[in-house]
Protein backbone atom coordinates (compact mmCIF):
# COMPACT_ATOMS: atom_id res chain seq x y z
CA MET A 1 1.03 -20.34 3.03
CA SER A 2 3.08 -22.31 0.32
CA GLU A 3 5.53 -20.29 -1.58
CA ILE A 4 4.51 -19.60 -5.52
CA SER A 5 6.73 -20.20 -7.95
CA GLU A 6 5.02 -19.56 -11.24
CA LEU A 7 6.55 -16.62 -13.35
CA SER A 8 4.46 -14.07 -13.35
CA VAL A 9 4.47 -10.28 -14.01
CA GLY A 10 3.66 -7.65 -11.60
CA VAL A 11 3.15 -3.68 -12.62
CA ASP A 12 2.78 -1.19 -9.85
CA VAL A 13 1.68 2.30 -10.96
CA GLY A 14 2.35 5.45 -8.91
CA GLY A 15 1.87 9.17 -9.55
CA THR A 16 5.81 9.56 -10.96
CA LYS A 17 6.61 6.05 -12.43
CA ILE A 18 5.01 2.48 -13.54
CA ALA A 19 7.52 -0.42 -12.58
CA ALA A 20 6.77 -3.45 -13.90
CA ALA A 21 8.84 -7.02 -12.82
CA ALA A 22 8.70 -10.57 -13.71
CA ILE A 23 8.25 -12.44 -10.64
CA SER A 24 9.29 -16.21 -9.83
CA GLY A 25 8.06 -16.80 -6.18
CA THR A 26 9.26 -13.68 -4.38
CA SER A 27 12.05 -12.67 -6.29
CA VAL A 28 12.34 -10.02 -8.88
CA VAL A 29 14.13 -11.54 -12.21
CA GLU A 30 13.67 -8.64 -14.74
CA SER A 31 12.24 -5.43 -14.23
CA HIS A 32 11.49 -2.12 -16.01
CA GLU A 33 10.39 1.42 -15.15
CA ARG A 34 8.53 4.02 -17.55
CA PRO A 35 7.53 7.51 -16.22
CA THR A 36 3.69 8.13 -15.28
CA VAL A 37 2.17 9.68 -18.07
CA LEU A 38 -0.87 11.38 -16.39
CA ASP A 39 -3.09 11.48 -19.51
CA PRO A 40 -6.20 9.57 -19.61
CA ALA A 41 -5.71 8.92 -23.20
CA ALA A 42 -2.52 7.51 -22.74
CA ILE A 43 -2.36 5.82 -19.08
CA VAL A 44 -3.48 2.33 -19.88
CA GLY A 45 -0.98 2.31 -23.12
CA GLU A 46 1.61 3.21 -20.76
CA ILE A 47 0.75 0.43 -18.24
CA GLU A 48 0.50 -2.28 -21.57
CA ALA A 49 3.98 -0.98 -22.36
CA ALA A 50 5.49 -1.56 -19.14
CA ALA A 51 4.10 -5.07 -18.84
CA ARG A 52 5.12 -5.99 -22.45
CA ALA A 53 8.46 -5.16 -22.03
CA VAL A 54 9.10 -7.29 -18.83
CA ILE A 55 7.23 -10.06 -20.57
CA ASP A 56 9.55 -9.87 -23.68
CA ALA A 57 12.71 -10.02 -21.42
CA ALA A 58 11.50 -12.75 -19.24
CA PRO A 59 13.18 -15.95 -19.08
CA GLY A 60 10.25 -18.09 -19.31
CA PRO A 61 6.71 -17.80 -20.59
CA VAL A 62 4.62 -16.00 -18.19
CA GLY A 63 1.04 -17.26 -16.73
CA ALA A 64 -0.38 -13.85 -15.82
CA VAL A 65 -0.20 -10.46 -14.92
CA GLY A 66 -1.01 -8.25 -11.81
CA VAL A 67 -1.45 -4.84 -11.34
CA GLY A 68 -1.77 -2.64 -8.27
CA VAL A 69 -3.31 0.81 -8.78
CA PRO A 70 -3.80 3.76 -6.07
CA SER A 71 -7.21 3.42 -6.52
CA GLN A 72 -10.55 2.03 -5.60
CA VAL A 73 -10.76 -1.21 -7.46
CA HIS A 74 -13.97 -3.80 -8.36
CA PHE A 75 -12.05 -6.68 -8.07
CA ALA A 76 -14.16 -9.16 -9.99
CA THR A 77 -14.09 -7.16 -12.85
CA GLY A 78 -11.37 -5.19 -12.46
CA ARG A 79 -13.39 -2.07 -13.22
CA VAL A 80 -11.29 1.14 -11.45
CA MET A 81 -14.20 2.64 -9.42
CA ALA A 82 -12.39 5.65 -8.05
CA SER A 83 -8.93 6.82 -8.69
CA VAL A 84 -7.99 10.30 -7.26
CA ASN A 85 -4.33 11.31 -8.60
CA ILE A 86 -4.31 8.74 -11.48
CA PRO A 87 -6.68 9.33 -14.44
CA LEU A 88 -7.94 5.51 -14.37
CA GLN A 89 -11.61 6.04 -12.85
CA GLY A 90 -13.99 4.01 -14.78
CA VAL A 91 -11.87 2.43 -17.01
CA GLU A 92 -12.10 -1.33 -17.52
CA LEU A 93 -9.02 -1.83 -16.80
CA ARG A 94 -8.53 -5.81 -16.41
CA GLN A 95 -10.48 -6.13 -19.45
CA GLU A 96 -8.55 -3.48 -21.52
CA LEU A 97 -5.32 -5.01 -20.45
CA GLY A 98 -5.94 -8.72 -20.67
CA ALA A 99 -7.12 -7.84 -24.57
CA ARG A 100 -4.27 -5.78 -25.36
CA LEU A 101 -1.52 -8.41 -23.68
CA GLY A 102 -3.51 -11.75 -24.61
CA LEU A 103 -2.96 -13.01 -20.98
CA PRO A 104 -4.76 -12.98 -17.90
CA VAL A 105 -5.01 -9.84 -16.09
CA PHE A 106 -5.80 -9.16 -12.29
CA VAL A 107 -6.21 -5.73 -11.02
CA ASP A 108 -6.09 -4.72 -7.15
CA ASN A 109 -5.29 -1.71 -5.04
CA ASP A 110 -1.61 -1.05 -4.72
CA GLY A 111 -2.15 -1.40 -0.54
CA ASN A 112 -3.37 -4.85 -0.95
CA CYS A 113 -0.41 -5.69 -3.13
CA ALA A 114 1.91 -4.38 -0.92
CA ALA A 115 0.18 -6.34 1.99
CA LEU A 116 0.45 -9.62 0.30
CA ALA A 117 4.09 -9.03 -0.55
CA GLU A 118 4.62 -8.36 2.97
CA ALA A 119 2.58 -11.36 4.21
CA PHE A 120 4.82 -13.59 1.98
CA LEU A 121 8.57 -11.74 3.30
CA ALA A 122 7.42 -11.79 6.81
CA GLU A 123 10.67 -12.37 8.74
CA GLY A 124 10.91 -16.13 10.24
CA GLY A 125 8.45 -17.15 7.38
CA ALA A 126 5.22 -16.29 5.66
CA ALA A 127 2.57 -14.57 7.75
CA ARG A 128 -0.95 -16.05 7.33
CA HIS A 129 -2.49 -12.88 9.15
CA LEU A 130 -1.00 -9.52 8.44
CA VAL A 131 -2.03 -6.31 8.30
CA MET A 132 0.09 -3.22 6.44
CA TYR A 133 0.05 0.68 6.79
CA THR A 134 1.58 2.24 3.47
CA MET A 135 2.74 5.91 4.94
CA GLY A 136 3.19 8.49 2.38
CA THR A 137 1.47 11.40 1.35
CA GLY A 138 -1.71 9.57 2.68
CA VAL A 139 -2.08 6.31 4.23
CA GLY A 140 -3.02 3.42 2.61
CA GLY A 141 -2.76 -0.07 3.51
CA GLY A 142 -4.02 -4.00 3.05
CA VAL A 143 -5.04 -7.16 5.20
CA VAL A 144 -4.32 -10.76 4.69
CA ILE A 145 -6.28 -13.20 6.15
CA ASP A 146 -5.53 -16.51 6.07
CA GLY A 147 -3.29 -16.15 3.27
CA GLN A 148 -5.63 -14.08 1.16
CA VAL A 149 -6.12 -10.63 0.50
CA PHE A 150 -9.28 -9.28 2.26
CA ARG A 151 -11.50 -7.22 0.15
CA GLY A 152 -14.62 -6.92 1.51
CA ALA A 153 -17.90 -7.40 -0.43
CA THR A 154 -16.49 -6.01 -3.95
CA GLY A 155 -13.27 -5.06 -3.43
CA LEU A 156 -13.47 -1.51 -1.83
CA GLY A 157 -12.65 -3.24 1.43
CA ALA A 158 -9.93 -2.21 3.79
CA GLU A 159 -9.59 1.42 3.44
CA LEU A 160 -7.40 1.54 6.60
CA GLY A 161 -6.25 5.14 6.14
CA HIS A 162 -9.82 6.23 6.42
CA VAL A 163 -10.17 4.48 10.09
CA VAL A 164 -10.99 7.08 12.47
CA VAL A 165 -8.85 7.70 15.69
CA GLN A 166 -9.84 11.26 16.55
CA ALA A 167 -13.64 11.83 15.99
CA ASP A 168 -13.26 15.59 16.19
CA GLY A 169 -9.82 15.85 14.51
CA PRO A 170 -8.80 17.29 11.51
CA GLU A 171 -10.50 17.05 7.70
CA CYS A 172 -9.12 14.23 5.84
CA PRO A 173 -6.88 15.83 3.24
CA GLY A 174 -7.59 13.01 0.93
CA ASN A 175 -10.68 11.97 -1.03
CA CYS A 176 -13.24 11.03 1.96
CA PRO A 177 -15.51 12.77 4.14
CA ASN A 178 -13.80 11.90 7.68
CA ARG A 179 -12.61 13.84 10.19
CA GLY A 180 -9.46 12.44 12.44
CA CYS A 181 -8.85 9.49 10.17
CA MET A 182 -5.38 8.11 9.70
CA GLU A 183 -4.87 9.93 6.68
CA ALA A 184 -5.81 12.90 8.61
CA LEU A 185 -3.07 12.44 11.64
CA CYS A 186 -0.40 10.45 10.31
CA SER A 187 0.38 10.92 6.60
CA GLY A 188 2.90 13.54 5.09
CA LEU A 189 0.23 15.94 4.07
CA ALA A 190 -0.92 15.90 7.74
CA LEU A 191 2.70 16.35 8.71
CA GLU A 192 2.98 19.45 6.11
CA ARG A 193 -0.17 20.69 7.82
CA ASP A 194 1.01 20.54 11.36
CA ALA A 195 4.47 21.66 10.75
CA THR A 196 3.49 24.37 8.26
CA ALA A 197 1.11 25.91 11.33
CA LEU A 198 3.70 25.45 13.74
CA GLY A 199 6.75 26.99 11.48
CA ARG A 200 3.58 30.12 11.47
CA GLU A 201 3.37 30.09 15.31
CA ARG A 202 7.10 30.42 15.82
CA PRO A 203 8.80 32.67 12.91
CA ASP A 204 12.07 32.22 14.81
CA SER A 205 12.30 28.50 15.04
CA PRO A 206 14.14 26.31 12.05
CA LEU A 207 10.43 25.21 11.01
CA GLY A 208 9.58 29.04 10.77
CA GLU A 209 12.50 29.91 8.84
CA ILE A 210 11.23 27.23 6.36
CA VAL A 211 8.00 28.77 6.01
CA ALA A 212 9.65 32.41 5.43
CA SER A 213 11.50 30.70 2.70
CA LYS A 214 9.37 28.44 1.01
CA GLY A 215 5.75 29.13 2.22
CA ARG A 216 5.22 25.83 3.73
CA VAL A 217 7.08 23.06 5.35
CA THR A 218 6.56 19.82 3.64
CA GLY A 219 6.89 16.33 5.39
CA ARG A 220 10.47 15.92 3.84
CA ASP A 221 11.48 19.23 5.62
CA THR A 222 10.11 17.96 8.93
CA VAL A 223 12.11 14.84 9.19
CA ALA A 224 15.34 16.97 7.81
CA ALA A 225 14.58 19.14 10.36
CA ALA A 226 14.31 16.29 13.12
CA ARG A 227 17.69 14.77 11.94
CA GLU A 228 19.11 18.03 12.81
CA GLY A 229 17.75 18.19 16.31
CA ASP A 230 14.63 20.57 15.90
CA PRO A 231 12.48 19.57 19.29
CA ASP A 232 9.57 21.19 17.17
CA ALA A 233 9.84 18.54 14.49
CA CYS A 234 10.81 15.46 16.56
CA ALA A 235 7.52 16.33 18.48
CA LEU A 236 5.32 16.42 15.41
CA LEU A 237 6.62 13.07 14.25
CA GLU A 238 6.47 11.62 17.82
CA LYS A 239 2.44 12.83 17.63
CA LEU A 240 2.19 11.34 14.36
CA GLY A 241 3.91 7.87 16.05
CA THR A 242 0.91 8.16 19.05
CA TRP A 243 -1.85 8.28 16.43
CA LEU A 244 -0.37 5.37 14.29
CA GLY A 245 -0.42 3.23 17.53
CA VAL A 246 -3.99 4.04 18.23
CA GLY A 247 -4.62 3.01 14.85
CA VAL A 248 -2.62 -0.18 15.23
CA ALA A 249 -4.23 -0.83 18.16
CA ASN A 250 -7.55 -0.92 16.56
CA ALA A 251 -6.26 -3.39 13.69
CA ILE A 252 -4.97 -6.07 16.45
CA ASN A 253 -8.23 -5.92 18.50
CA THR A 254 -10.20 -6.39 14.95
CA PHE A 255 -7.86 -8.76 12.91
CA GLU A 256 -5.66 -10.44 15.66
CA PRO A 257 -2.50 -10.83 13.21
CA GLU A 258 0.71 -12.13 13.46
CA ARG A 259 2.19 -9.08 11.88
CA VAL A 260 1.56 -5.44 11.32
CA ALA A 261 3.76 -3.87 8.89
CA ILE A 262 4.79 -0.48 8.70
CA GLY A 263 5.85 0.65 5.03
CA GLY A 264 5.67 3.98 2.93
CA GLY A 265 7.83 6.51 2.35
CA LEU A 266 7.51 8.01 5.66
CA SER A 267 9.07 4.48 7.27
CA ALA A 268 12.25 5.86 6.36
CA ALA A 269 11.72 8.26 9.28
CA ALA A 270 10.79 5.25 11.52
CA GLU A 271 13.22 6.42 14.02
CA PHE A 272 11.10 9.61 14.98
CA PHE A 273 7.53 7.62 15.33
CA PHE A 274 7.54 3.99 15.41
CA ASP A 275 8.55 3.38 19.23
CA ARG A 276 5.86 5.85 20.25
CA ALA A 277 3.48 3.82 17.76
CA VAL A 278 4.37 0.46 19.28
CA GLU A 279 3.74 2.16 23.21
CA GLU A 280 0.66 3.46 22.16
CA ALA A 281 -0.39 0.42 20.43
CA SER A 282 0.63 -1.80 23.31
CA SER A 283 -1.41 0.51 26.09
CA ARG A 284 -4.46 0.07 23.75
CA ALA A 285 -4.93 -3.81 22.05
CA LEU A 286 -6.09 -6.32 24.08
CA PRO A 287 -3.28 -8.41 25.97
CA GLU A 288 -4.21 -11.63 24.72
CA SER A 289 -4.25 -10.34 20.95
CA LEU A 290 -1.10 -8.06 21.83
CA ALA A 291 0.84 -11.23 23.02
CA SER A 292 0.76 -12.97 19.40
CA VAL A 293 1.32 -10.02 17.08
CA ARG A 294 4.97 -8.50 15.84
CA ILE A 295 4.77 -5.10 14.62
CA ALA A 296 7.75 -3.93 12.48
CA ILE A 297 9.07 -2.13 9.55
CA ALA A 298 8.13 -3.25 6.33
CA ARG A 299 10.71 -5.26 4.72
CA GLY A 300 9.61 -5.47 0.89
CA GLY A 301 11.22 -1.96 0.24
CA PRO A 302 10.37 0.25 -3.16
CA ALA A 303 10.17 -3.52 -4.72
CA ALA A 304 6.84 -4.62 -2.47
CA GLY A 305 4.31 -3.09 -5.06
CA VAL A 306 5.72 -5.36 -8.31
CA ILE A 307 6.11 -8.27 -6.02
CA GLY A 308 2.84 -8.43 -4.55
CA ALA A 309 1.54 -7.24 -7.71
CA GLY A 310 3.07 -10.55 -9.15
CA LEU A 311 1.92 -12.61 -6.27
CA LEU A 312 -1.63 -11.47 -6.73
CA ALA A 313 -1.45 -12.87 -10.31
CA SER A 314 0.04 -16.10 -9.02
CA GLN A 315 -2.27 -16.59 -6.44
CA GLU A 316 -5.61 -15.56 -8.77
CA TYR A 317 -4.41 -17.15 -11.92
CA ALA A 318 -3.81 -20.58 -9.87
CA ARG A 319 -7.47 -20.27 -8.40
CA ALA A 320 -9.09 -19.70 -11.45
CA THR A 321 -7.51 -22.78 -13.01
CA ARG A 322 -8.80 -24.82 -10.23
CA ASP A 323 -11.96 -23.53 -10.39
CA THR A 324 -12.16 -24.62 -14.20
CA GLN A 325 -10.58 -28.06 -13.34
CA THR A 326 -13.62 -28.47 -10.69
CA GLU A 327 -16.24 -26.97 -12.79
CA THR A 328 -15.14 -29.32 -15.89
CA ALA A 329 -14.95 -32.36 -13.35
CA SER A 330 -18.03 -31.98 -12.02
CA GLU A 331 -19.67 -31.70 -15.40
CA GLY A 332 -18.02 -34.95 -16.56
CA VAL A 333 -19.84 -36.53 -13.42
CA LEU A 334 -23.00 -35.20 -14.64
């Protein structure tokens, strides 16, 4: 997978901030952040403003803009099909931003963008085949196959957080009809649910004290309690690791990747669940596939979203340019 060198702009739209950066290869050369305004009438303008701030400050001309959103996207058109936390559902985001910015724009799910960044940033050289999980409030992720993001028929595929790992498990806390999917068992919301329930059962425990004072135990509270040595919190995180390992084994058996990357906010607490996840995945994955895969914590950090969106823009712009040149050459022959 060759390094991409064209200057592009990547925009990562999150629930609290919109981050934009000028990207050269996998390096951030200029960046800008602004708060996310959760107003349907203003959100597109805020994304435009973030991108424009970087375009104007970039050290050279920008070829294209990539945008990652926490939404389901029809990739060919850039239309947002479903968006739970960001008011973008139904917005023709690619068309609208392209008209406003005067540049080619490509829009994708933020998990796909993060996975593309991790594929380029993989230790020891770029990985052509990678699966990534982004573990935060929910569980997202993406799949890279032969150096390209896998999206399914229209762009809605690779919803890794909604792969079922326990058929009779708890209901998904997100926007899906499943029970026992990875989001229901490996997310910050799942951790909050289980920690709060355990705290209510054991009012004299550290988790119980948190419930008494706050009414619930957040995922952050659980991690903090684990760091203070609370065995209940540690056990909950270890259980999360078990279910993560089941999901990782499924991905290894399905895609045979070179890398499986674990990222997102919860990965900062990986010392409490990562080894358990690797152990569980190793006991379930097909031995021949397991032998060639490396499971590791993601390397991109907070910049993975903008780097991946910038890589998306460069890849897709280069592909579109090649396709146009091929069509022109074919017409010349005819």
